[in-house]
Amino acid sequence: MIPFNKTGLEELSFGEAKEDVFYVLVNKNISPNGIDFEKLRLADPRNFDAALLSAGCLIMLNEAEIDELEKRGELDKNKLHQSLYELAIAEGMI
């Protein structure tokens, strides 16, 4: 399991809508300085998931999904990094 201090939270935006803003839990062992989103934007769309994984993405949710999980009590937006880390553990992603 990856320790919490070896993860980071980053925001990726493709637009202004809630569906266009993504929060990414990053494995800092793979990307110590965070994901290079400019490089990621150049990735082949057919292989985007593989590019995310190789860049250290552990979990990626858009703002609408975050809002829904918060309504269910599964996330705390005030502690989003910690909440996403705990969710990734609970879902077997870490």
Protein backbone atom coordinates (compact mmCIF):
# COMPACT_ATOMS: atom_id res chain seq x y z
CA MET A 1 0.00 0.00 0.00
CA ILE A 2 1.17 3.51 -0.78
CA PRO A 3 1.47 5.73 2.31
CA PHE A 4 -0.67 8.88 2.35
CA ASN A 5 2.40 11.15 2.30
CA LYS A 6 3.45 9.55 -1.01
CA THR A 7 0.23 10.72 -2.68
CA GLY A 8 -0.89 14.10 -3.89
CA LEU A 9 -4.08 15.73 -5.10
CA GLU A 10 -4.14 17.62 -8.37
CA GLU A 11 -6.83 19.36 -10.39
CA LEU A 12 -7.19 18.95 -14.14
CA SER A 13 -9.62 21.11 -16.07
CA PHE A 14 -10.83 20.68 -19.62
CA GLY A 15 -13.46 23.41 -19.31
CA GLU A 16 -15.75 25.25 -16.91
CA ALA A 17 -18.55 22.71 -16.35
CA LYS A 18 -18.52 20.37 -13.34
CA GLU A 19 -18.04 17.47 -15.71
CA ASP A 20 -14.88 19.13 -17.09
CA VAL A 21 -13.02 19.58 -13.79
CA PHE A 22 -11.24 16.48 -12.49
CA TYR A 23 -9.49 15.74 -9.21
CA VAL A 24 -6.63 13.27 -9.49
CA LEU A 25 -5.06 11.31 -6.65
CA VAL A 26 -1.43 10.90 -7.73
CA ASN A 27 1.20 8.36 -6.75
CA LYS A 28 4.21 10.57 -5.93
CA ASN A 29 6.53 7.54 -6.22
CA ILE A 30 5.81 7.60 -9.97
CA SER A 31 5.37 11.36 -10.44
CA PRO A 32 7.21 13.11 -7.58
CA ASN A 33 6.50 16.55 -9.07
CA GLY A 34 2.95 15.70 -10.01
CA ILE A 35 1.46 14.68 -13.33
CA ASP A 36 2.70 16.58 -16.36
CA PHE A 37 -0.73 17.54 -17.67
CA GLU A 38 0.65 19.27 -20.75
CA LYS A 39 2.30 16.01 -21.79
CA LEU A 40 -0.84 14.10 -20.84
CA ARG A 41 -2.99 16.32 -23.09
CA LEU A 42 -0.90 15.12 -26.04
CA ALA A 43 -1.62 11.45 -25.31
CA ASP A 44 -3.58 9.43 -27.83
CA PRO A 45 -7.23 9.55 -26.68
CA ARG A 46 -7.54 5.81 -27.35
CA ASN A 47 -4.77 5.19 -24.79
CA PHE A 48 -5.65 7.94 -22.33
CA ASP A 49 -6.36 5.55 -19.45
CA ALA A 50 -2.99 3.85 -19.92
CA ALA A 51 -1.27 7.25 -20.06
CA LEU A 52 -2.96 8.24 -16.78
CA LEU A 53 -1.88 5.03 -15.08
CA SER A 54 1.71 5.34 -16.27
CA ALA A 55 1.75 8.95 -15.02
CA GLY A 56 0.80 7.79 -11.51
CA CYS A 57 -2.96 8.39 -11.45
CA LEU A 58 -4.55 6.34 -8.66
CA ILE A 59 -8.09 7.69 -8.95
CA MET A 60 -9.66 10.45 -11.03
CA LEU A 61 -13.13 11.84 -10.41
CA ASN A 62 -14.87 14.85 -11.87
CA GLU A 63 -16.46 17.53 -9.73
CA ALA A 64 -19.97 16.17 -10.29
CA GLU A 65 -18.86 12.74 -9.04
CA ILE A 66 -17.16 14.36 -6.03
CA ASP A 67 -20.41 16.22 -5.22
CA GLU A 68 -22.42 12.99 -5.43
CA LEU A 69 -20.01 11.09 -3.20
CA GLU A 70 -20.09 13.95 -0.70
CA LYS A 71 -23.93 13.84 -0.64
CA ARG A 72 -23.70 10.12 0.18
CA GLY A 73 -21.23 10.83 2.98
CA GLU A 74 -18.42 8.94 1.25
CA LEU A 75 -16.16 12.00 0.80
CA ASP A 76 -15.44 15.21 2.66
CA LYS A 77 -14.67 18.06 0.22
CA ASN A 78 -12.92 19.94 3.03
CA LYS A 79 -10.47 17.03 3.31
CA LEU A 80 -10.55 15.94 -0.31
CA HIS A 81 -7.02 14.55 -0.51
CA GLN A 82 -7.51 12.40 2.60
CA SER A 83 -11.02 11.39 1.51
CA LEU A 84 -9.91 10.30 -1.97
CA TYR A 85 -7.01 8.37 -0.46
CA GLU A 86 -9.38 6.53 1.90
CA LEU A 87 -11.82 5.88 -0.95
CA ALA A 88 -9.03 4.44 -3.11
CA ILE A 89 -8.07 2.09 -0.26
CA ALA A 90 -11.69 1.07 0.37
CA GLU A 91 -12.21 0.35 -3.35
CA GLY A 92 -8.98 -1.68 -3.60
CA MET A 93 -7.20 0.81 -5.86
CA ILE A 94 -4.28 1.14 -3.48
